Amino acid sequence: MAKSKKKFEQMLEELEKIVMKLENSQLPLEESMKSFKEGLDLSEQCSKSLDEIEGKISVLLTGPDGEIAEQLFDNVEG
């Protein structure tokens, strides 16, 4: 799991660099378009990675009878 997290963090850092480059510089149109497409691709990859991780997350809860029950993260109230 640490491997996925590191990969996600690297993708997010790359995306942040692209956004900063687009916001803070006067790039030629062609280079701006290329950077924008790279940013969109990275954003999609990050979103997919988060969706996969969210699907795997579960929270252990102790029921009223003292037993531990596994519940999907989406079903947890709070």
PDB file of N, CA and C in Angstrom:
ATOM      1  N   MET A   1       0.812  -1.186   0.000  1.00  0.00           N
ATOM      2  CA  MET A   1       0.000   0.000   0.000  1.00  0.00           C
ATOM      3  C   MET A   1       0.862   1.259   0.000  1.00  0.00           C
ATOM      4  N   ALA A   2       2.001   1.219   0.659  1.00  0.00           N
ATOM      5  CA  ALA A   2       2.896   2.372   0.677  1.00  0.00           C
ATOM      6  C   ALA A   2       3.359   2.718  -0.733  1.00  0.00           C
ATOM      7  N   LYS A   3       3.497   1.686  -1.565  1.00  0.00           N
ATOM      8  CA  LYS A   3       3.903   1.905  -2.944  1.00  0.00           C
ATOM      9  C   LYS A   3       2.850   2.730  -3.679  1.00  0.00           C
ATOM     10  N   SER A   4       1.562   2.425  -3.527  1.00  0.00           N
ATOM     11  CA  SER A   4       0.479   3.170  -4.155  1.00  0.00           C
ATOM     12  C   SER A   4       0.450   4.606  -3.649  1.00  0.00           C
ATOM     13  N   LYS A   5       0.619   4.770  -2.342  1.00  0.00           N
ATOM     14  CA  LYS A   5       0.598   6.102  -1.749  1.00  0.00           C
ATOM     15  C   LYS A   5       1.720   6.955  -2.319  1.00  0.00           C
ATOM     16  N   LYS A   6       2.909   6.371  -2.412  1.00  0.00           N
ATOM     17  CA  LYS A   6       4.035   7.116  -2.949  1.00  0.00           C
ATOM     18  C   LYS A   6       3.769   7.498  -4.397  1.00  0.00           C
ATOM     19  N   LYS A   7       3.246   6.577  -5.169  1.00  0.00           N
ATOM     20  CA  LYS A   7       2.953   6.865  -6.564  1.00  0.00           C
ATOM     21  C   LYS A   7       1.923   7.984  -6.651  1.00  0.00           C
ATOM     22  N   PHE A   8       0.886   7.921  -5.829  1.00  0.00           N
ATOM     23  CA  PHE A   8      -0.135   8.964  -5.829  1.00  0.00           C
ATOM     24  C   PHE A   8       0.483  10.308  -5.468  1.00  0.00           C
ATOM     25  N   GLU A   9       1.292  10.335  -4.422  1.00  0.00           N
ATOM     26  CA  GLU A   9       1.917  11.587  -3.995  1.00  0.00           C
ATOM     27  C   GLU A   9       2.816  12.153  -5.087  1.00  0.00           C
ATOM     28  N   GLN A  10       3.538  11.287  -5.799  1.00  0.00           N
ATOM     29  CA  GLN A  10       4.387  11.753  -6.895  1.00  0.00           C
ATOM     30  C   GLN A  10       3.542  12.356  -8.013  1.00  0.00           C
ATOM     31  N   MET A  11       2.428  11.699  -8.337  1.00  0.00           N
ATOM     32  CA  MET A  11       1.544  12.229  -9.381  1.00  0.00           C
ATOM     33  C   MET A  11       0.974  13.576  -8.957  1.00  0.00           C
ATOM     34  N   LEU A  12       0.593  13.696  -7.697  1.00  0.00           N
ATOM     35  CA  LEU A  12       0.036  14.941  -7.192  1.00  0.00           C
ATOM     36  C   LEU A  12       1.075  16.063  -7.230  1.00  0.00           C
ATOM     37  N   GLU A  13       2.322  15.757  -6.868  1.00  0.00           N
ATOM     38  CA  GLU A  13       3.390  16.755  -6.928  1.00  0.00           C
ATOM     39  C   GLU A  13       3.624  17.219  -8.363  1.00  0.00           C
ATOM     40  N   GLU A  14       3.626  16.275  -9.305  1.00  0.00           N
ATOM     41  CA  GLU A  14       3.780  16.632 -10.715  1.00  0.00           C
ATOM     42  C   GLU A  14       2.644  17.541 -11.169  1.00  0.00           C
ATOM     43  N   LEU A  15       1.431  17.201 -10.763  1.00  0.00           N
ATOM     44  CA  LEU A  15       0.265  18.000 -11.133  1.00  0.00           C
ATOM     45  C   LEU A  15       0.391  19.414 -10.570  1.00  0.00           C
ATOM     46  N   GLU A  16       0.823  19.535  -9.325  1.00  0.00           N
ATOM     47  CA  GLU A  16       1.008  20.857  -8.712  1.00  0.00           C
ATOM     48  C   GLU A  16       2.054  21.680  -9.461  1.00  0.00           C
ATOM     49  N   LYS A  17       3.133  21.040  -9.889  1.00  0.00           N
ATOM     50  CA  LYS A  17       4.173  21.735 -10.652  1.00  0.00           C
ATOM     51  C   LYS A  17       3.633  22.239 -11.983  1.00  0.00           C
ATOM     52  N   ILE A  18       2.828  21.421 -12.640  1.00  0.00           N
ATOM     53  CA  ILE A  18       2.246  21.821 -13.922  1.00  0.00           C
ATOM     54  C   ILE A  18       1.321  23.025 -13.732  1.00  0.00           C
ATOM     55  N   VAL A  19       0.487  22.977 -12.684  1.00  0.00           N
ATOM     56  CA  VAL A  19      -0.433  24.082 -12.416  1.00  0.00           C
ATOM     57  C   VAL A  19       0.353  25.363 -12.144  1.00  0.00           C
ATOM     58  N   MET A  20       1.396  25.266 -11.322  1.00  0.00           N
ATOM     59  CA  MET A  20       2.215  26.449 -11.021  1.00  0.00           C
ATOM     60  C   MET A  20       2.864  26.997 -12.289  1.00  0.00           C
ATOM     61  N   LYS A  21       3.357  26.091 -13.133  1.00  0.00           N
ATOM     62  CA  LYS A  21       4.005  26.516 -14.376  1.00  0.00           C
ATOM     63  C   LYS A  21       3.004  27.247 -15.274  1.00  0.00           C
ATOM     64  N   LEU A  22       1.802  26.720 -15.358  1.00  0.00           N
ATOM     65  CA  LEU A  22       0.777  27.354 -16.194  1.00  0.00           C
ATOM     66  C   LEU A  22       0.333  28.696 -15.624  1.00  0.00           C
ATOM     67  N   GLU A  23       0.272  28.805 -14.313  1.00  0.00           N
ATOM     68  CA  GLU A  23      -0.177  30.047 -13.676  1.00  0.00           C
ATOM     69  C   GLU A  23       0.900  31.134 -13.662  1.00  0.00           C
ATOM     70  N   ASN A  24       2.155  30.740 -13.565  1.00  0.00           N
ATOM     71  CA  ASN A  24       3.215  31.711 -13.303  1.00  0.00           C
ATOM     72  C   ASN A  24       4.132  32.016 -14.477  1.00  0.00           C
ATOM     73  N   SER A  25       3.851  31.514 -15.653  1.00  0.00           N
ATOM     74  CA  SER A  25       4.782  31.779 -16.743  1.00  0.00           C
ATOM     75  C   SER A  25       4.045  32.127 -18.020  1.00  0.00           C
ATOM     76  N   GLN A  26       4.793  32.660 -18.923  1.00  0.00           N
ATOM     77  CA  GLN A  26       4.283  33.032 -20.233  1.00  0.00           C
ATOM     78  C   GLN A  26       4.746  31.983 -21.240  1.00  0.00           C
ATOM     79  N   LEU A  27       4.116  30.823 -21.205  1.00  0.00           N
ATOM     80  CA  LEU A  27       4.487  29.740 -22.106  1.00  0.00           C
ATOM     81  C   LEU A  27       3.879  29.979 -23.483  1.00  0.00           C
ATOM     82  N   PRO A  28       4.566  29.514 -24.520  1.00  0.00           N
ATOM     83  CA  PRO A  28       3.941  29.546 -25.841  1.00  0.00           C
ATOM     84  C   PRO A  28       2.678  28.691 -25.831  1.00  0.00           C
ATOM     85  N   LEU A  29       1.743  29.006 -26.701  1.00  0.00           N
ATOM     86  CA  LEU A  29       0.453  28.313 -26.717  1.00  0.00           C
ATOM     87  C   LEU A  29       0.613  26.806 -26.844  1.00  0.00           C
ATOM     88  N   GLU A  30       1.479  26.360 -27.727  1.00  0.00           N
ATOM     89  CA  GLU A  30       1.669  24.924 -27.932  1.00  0.00           C
ATOM     90  C   GLU A  30       2.156  24.231 -26.667  1.00  0.00           C
ATOM     91  N   GLU A  31       3.116  24.845 -25.976  1.00  0.00           N
ATOM     92  CA  GLU A  31       3.641  24.268 -24.738  1.00  0.00           C
ATOM     93  C   GLU A  31       2.593  24.311 -23.622  1.00  0.00           C
ATOM     94  N   SER A  32       1.797  25.374 -23.591  1.00  0.00           N
ATOM     95  CA  SER A  32       0.722  25.465 -22.605  1.00  0.00           C
ATOM     96  C   SER A  32      -0.298  24.354 -22.823  1.00  0.00           C
ATOM     97  N   MET A  33      -0.656  24.107 -24.071  1.00  0.00           N
ATOM     98  CA  MET A  33      -1.618  23.058 -24.390  1.00  0.00           C
ATOM     99  C   MET A  33      -1.076  21.686 -23.986  1.00  0.00           C
ATOM    100  N   LYS A  34       0.209  21.462 -24.250  1.00  0.00           N
ATOM    101  CA  LYS A  34       0.835  20.183 -23.892  1.00  0.00           C
ATOM    102  C   LYS A  34       0.827  20.003 -22.365  1.00  0.00           C
ATOM    103  N   SER A  35       1.203  21.043 -21.645  1.00  0.00           N
ATOM    104  CA  SER A  35       1.213  20.981 -20.183  1.00  0.00           C
ATOM    105  C   SER A  35      -0.192  20.778 -19.634  1.00  0.00           C
ATOM    106  N   PHE A  36      -1.164  21.456 -20.231  1.00  0.00           N
ATOM    107  CA  PHE A  36      -2.548  21.317 -19.791  1.00  0.00           C
ATOM    108  C   PHE A  36      -3.033  19.875 -19.964  1.00  0.00           C
ATOM    109  N   LYS A  37      -2.705  19.260 -21.105  1.00  0.00           N
ATOM    110  CA  LYS A  37      -3.098  17.870 -21.352  1.00  0.00           C
ATOM    111  C   LYS A  37      -2.419  16.938 -20.349  1.00  0.00           C
ATOM    112  N   GLU A  38      -1.137  17.159 -20.072  1.00  0.00           N
ATOM    113  CA  GLU A  38      -0.441  16.356 -19.068  1.00  0.00           C
ATOM    114  C   GLU A  38      -1.131  16.485 -17.709  1.00  0.00           C
ATOM    115  N   GLY A  39      -1.541  17.708 -17.374  1.00  0.00           N
ATOM    116  CA  GLY A  39      -2.236  17.940 -16.112  1.00  0.00           C
ATOM    117  C   GLY A  39      -3.566  17.207 -16.047  1.00  0.00           C
ATOM    118  N   LEU A  40      -4.308  17.232 -17.152  1.00  0.00           N
ATOM    119  CA  LEU A  40      -5.579  16.509 -17.197  1.00  0.00           C
ATOM    120  C   LEU A  40      -5.370  15.013 -17.030  1.00  0.00           C
ATOM    121  N   ASP A  41      -4.344  14.480 -17.700  1.00  0.00           N
ATOM    122  CA  ASP A  41      -4.037  13.048 -17.582  1.00  0.00           C
ATOM    123  C   ASP A  41      -3.669  12.683 -16.143  1.00  0.00           C
ATOM    124  N   LEU A  42      -2.832  13.497 -15.520  1.00  0.00           N
ATOM    125  CA  LEU A  42      -2.438  13.239 -14.137  1.00  0.00           C
ATOM    126  C   LEU A  42      -3.636  13.342 -13.192  1.00  0.00           C
ATOM    127  N   SER A  43      -4.484  14.318 -13.436  1.00  0.00           N
ATOM    128  CA  SER A  43      -5.671  14.488 -12.612  1.00  0.00           C
ATOM    129  C   SER A  43      -6.567  13.253 -12.704  1.00  0.00           C
ATOM    130  N   GLU A  44      -6.732  12.731 -13.897  1.00  0.00           N
ATOM    131  CA  GLU A  44      -7.543  11.523 -14.086  1.00  0.00           C
ATOM    132  C   GLU A  44      -6.913  10.327 -13.374  1.00  0.00           C
ATOM    133  N   GLN A  45      -5.587  10.187 -13.473  1.00  0.00           N
ATOM    134  CA  GLN A  45      -4.895   9.085 -12.803  1.00  0.00           C
ATOM    135  C   GLN A  45      -5.047   9.195 -11.283  1.00  0.00           C
ATOM    136  N   CYS A  46      -4.910  10.403 -10.746  1.00  0.00           N
ATOM    137  CA  CYS A  46      -5.069  10.610  -9.306  1.00  0.00           C
ATOM    138  C   CYS A  46      -6.488  10.257  -8.869  1.00  0.00           C
ATOM    139  N   SER A  47      -7.462  10.676  -9.654  1.00  0.00           N
ATOM    140  CA  SER A  47      -8.851  10.382  -9.333  1.00  0.00           C
ATOM    141  C   SER A  47      -9.114   8.878  -9.329  1.00  0.00           C
ATOM    142  N   LYS A  48      -8.594   8.171 -10.316  1.00  0.00           N
ATOM    143  CA  LYS A  48      -8.759   6.720 -10.374  1.00  0.00           C
ATOM    144  C   LYS A  48      -8.089   6.051  -9.173  1.00  0.00           C
ATOM    145  N   SER A  49      -6.907   6.534  -8.832  1.00  0.00           N
ATOM    146  CA  SER A  49      -6.182   5.980  -7.696  1.00  0.00           C
ATOM    147  C   SER A  49      -6.977   6.175  -6.401  1.00  0.00           C
ATOM    148  N   LEU A  50      -7.536   7.367  -6.220  1.00  0.00           N
ATOM    149  CA  LEU A  50      -8.348   7.629  -5.030  1.00  0.00           C
ATOM    150  C   LEU A  50      -9.598   6.767  -5.003  1.00  0.00           C
ATOM    151  N   ASP A  51     -10.224   6.577  -6.153  1.00  0.00           N
ATOM    152  CA  ASP A  51     -11.414   5.715  -6.213  1.00  0.00           C
ATOM    153  C   ASP A  51     -11.079   4.288  -5.823  1.00  0.00           C
ATOM    154  N   GLU A  52      -9.934   3.786  -6.290  1.00  0.00           N
ATOM    155  CA  GLU A  52      -9.512   2.426  -5.943  1.00  0.00           C
ATOM    156  C   GLU A  52      -9.259   2.309  -4.448  1.00  0.00           C
ATOM    157  N   ILE A  53      -8.581   3.295  -3.893  1.00  0.00           N
ATOM    158  CA  ILE A  53      -8.267   3.270  -2.466  1.00  0.00           C
ATOM    159  C   ILE A  53      -9.544   3.361  -1.641  1.00  0.00           C
ATOM    160  N   GLU A  54     -10.455   4.246  -2.045  1.00  0.00           N
ATOM    161  CA  GLU A  54     -11.718   4.404  -1.320  1.00  0.00           C
ATOM    162  C   GLU A  54     -12.500   3.099  -1.314  1.00  0.00           C
ATOM    163  N   GLY A  55     -12.443   2.365  -2.424  1.00  0.00           N
ATOM    164  CA  GLY A  55     -13.140   1.093  -2.502  1.00  0.00           C
ATOM    165  C   GLY A  55     -12.577   0.051  -1.553  1.00  0.00           C
ATOM    166  N   LYS A  56     -11.327   0.200  -1.151  1.00  0.00           N
ATOM    167  CA  LYS A  56     -10.672  -0.779  -0.280  1.00  0.00           C
ATOM    168  C   LYS A  56     -10.768  -0.417   1.204  1.00  0.00           C
ATOM    169  N   ILE A  57     -11.121   0.824   1.473  1.00  0.00           N
ATOM    170  CA  ILE A  57     -11.134   1.274   2.870  1.00  0.00           C
ATOM    171  C   ILE A  57     -12.302   0.661   3.626  1.00  0.00           C
ATOM    172  N   SER A  58     -12.020   0.130   4.771  1.00  0.00           N
ATOM    173  CA  SER A  58     -13.089  -0.318   5.660  1.00  0.00           C
ATOM    174  C   SER A  58     -12.724   0.115   7.073  1.00  0.00           C
ATOM    175  N   VAL A  59     -13.733   0.264   7.865  1.00  0.00           N
ATOM    176  CA  VAL A  59     -13.526   0.708   9.239  1.00  0.00           C
ATOM    177  C   VAL A  59     -14.048  -0.378  10.168  1.00  0.00           C
ATOM    178  N   LEU A  60     -13.248  -0.700  11.159  1.00  0.00           N
ATOM    179  CA  LEU A  60     -13.684  -1.688  12.148  1.00  0.00           C
ATOM    180  C   LEU A  60     -14.452  -0.979  13.254  1.00  0.00           C
ATOM    181  N   LEU A  61     -15.629  -1.467  13.495  1.00  0.00           N
ATOM    182  CA  LEU A  61     -16.482  -0.881  14.527  1.00  0.00           C
ATOM    183  C   LEU A  61     -16.850  -1.942  15.543  1.00  0.00           C
ATOM    184  N   THR A  62     -16.935  -1.551  16.780  1.00  0.00           N
ATOM    185  CA  THR A  62     -17.369  -2.464  17.831  1.00  0.00           C
ATOM    186  C   THR A  62     -18.874  -2.317  17.990  1.00  0.00           C
ATOM    187  N   GLY A  63     -19.574  -3.429  17.823  1.00  0.00           N
ATOM    188  CA  GLY A  63     -21.028  -3.427  17.931  1.00  0.00           C
ATOM    189  C   GLY A  63     -21.480  -3.406  19.367  1.00  0.00           C
ATOM    190  N   PRO A  64     -22.774  -3.287  19.583  1.00  0.00           N
ATOM    191  CA  PRO A  64     -23.323  -3.240  20.947  1.00  0.00           C
ATOM    192  C   PRO A  64     -23.043  -4.519  21.746  1.00  0.00           C
ATOM    193  N   ASP A  65     -22.833  -5.625  21.028  1.00  0.00           N
ATOM    194  CA  ASP A  65     -22.557  -6.882  21.722  1.00  0.00           C
ATOM    195  C   ASP A  65     -21.063  -7.067  22.000  1.00  0.00           C
ATOM    196  N   GLY A  66     -20.257  -6.042  21.666  1.00  0.00           N
ATOM    197  CA  GLY A  66     -18.819  -6.099  21.921  1.00  0.00           C
ATOM    198  C   GLY A  66     -18.024  -6.757  20.819  1.00  0.00           C
ATOM    199  N   GLU A  67     -18.703  -7.248  19.803  1.00  0.00           N
ATOM    200  CA  GLU A  67     -18.000  -7.881  18.691  1.00  0.00           C
ATOM    201  C   GLU A  67     -17.577  -6.822  17.673  1.00  0.00           C
ATOM    202  N   ILE A  68     -16.483  -7.105  17.009  1.00  0.00           N
ATOM    203  CA  ILE A  68     -15.973  -6.184  15.997  1.00  0.00           C
ATOM    204  C   ILE A  68     -16.587  -6.553  14.653  1.00  0.00           C
ATOM    205  N   ALA A  69     -17.173  -5.571  14.010  1.00  0.00           N
ATOM    206  CA  ALA A  69     -17.794  -5.787  12.709  1.00  0.00           C
ATOM    207  C   ALA A  69     -17.099  -4.898  11.687  1.00  0.00           C
ATOM    208  N   GLU A  70     -16.836  -5.436  10.525  1.00  0.00           N
ATOM    209  CA  GLU A  70     -16.216  -4.665   9.461  1.00  0.00           C
ATOM    210  C   GLU A  70     -17.310  -4.005   8.638  1.00  0.00           C
ATOM    211  N   GLN A  71     -17.105  -2.699   8.354  1.00  0.00           N
ATOM    212  CA  GLN A  71     -18.116  -1.956   7.610  1.00  0.00           C
ATOM    213  C   GLN A  71     -17.397  -1.112   6.565  1.00  0.00           C
ATOM    214  N   LEU A  72     -17.969  -1.019   5.371  1.00  0.00           N
ATOM    215  CA  LEU A  72     -17.378  -0.186   4.340  1.00  0.00           C
ATOM    216  C   LEU A  72     -17.353   1.255   4.790  1.00  0.00           C
ATOM    217  N   PHE A  73     -16.355   1.997   4.376  1.00  0.00           N
ATOM    218  CA  PHE A  73     -16.159   3.375   4.784  1.00  0.00           C
ATOM    219  C   PHE A  73     -17.373   4.245   4.464  1.00  0.00           C
ATOM    220  N   ASP A  74     -17.988   4.036   3.306  1.00  0.00           N
ATOM    221  CA  ASP A  74     -19.146   4.837   2.904  1.00  0.00           C
ATOM    222  C   ASP A  74     -20.318   4.679   3.846  1.00  0.00           C
ATOM    223  N   ASN A  75     -20.390   3.549   4.561  1.00  0.00           N
ATOM    224  CA  ASN A  75     -21.530   3.280   5.426  1.00  0.00           C
ATOM    225  C   ASN A  75     -21.360   3.774   6.853  1.00  0.00           C
ATOM    226  N   VAL A  76     -20.230   4.391   7.144  1.00  0.00           N
ATOM    227  CA  VAL A  76     -19.959   4.876   8.492  1.00  0.00           C
ATOM    228  C   VAL A  76     -20.600   6.235   8.676  1.00  0.00           C
ATOM    229  N   GLU A  77     -21.345   6.400   9.743  1.00  0.00           N
ATOM    230  CA  GLU A  77     -21.948   7.698  10.044  1.00  0.00           C
ATOM    231  C   GLU A  77     -20.980   8.515  10.886  1.00  0.00           C
ATOM    232  N   GLY A  78     -21.011   9.825  10.715  1.00  0.00           N
ATOM    233  CA  GLY A  78     -20.160  10.628  11.566  1.00  0.00           C
ATOM    234  C   GLY A  78     -19.753  11.868  11.000  1.00  0.00           C
TER     235      GLY A  78
END
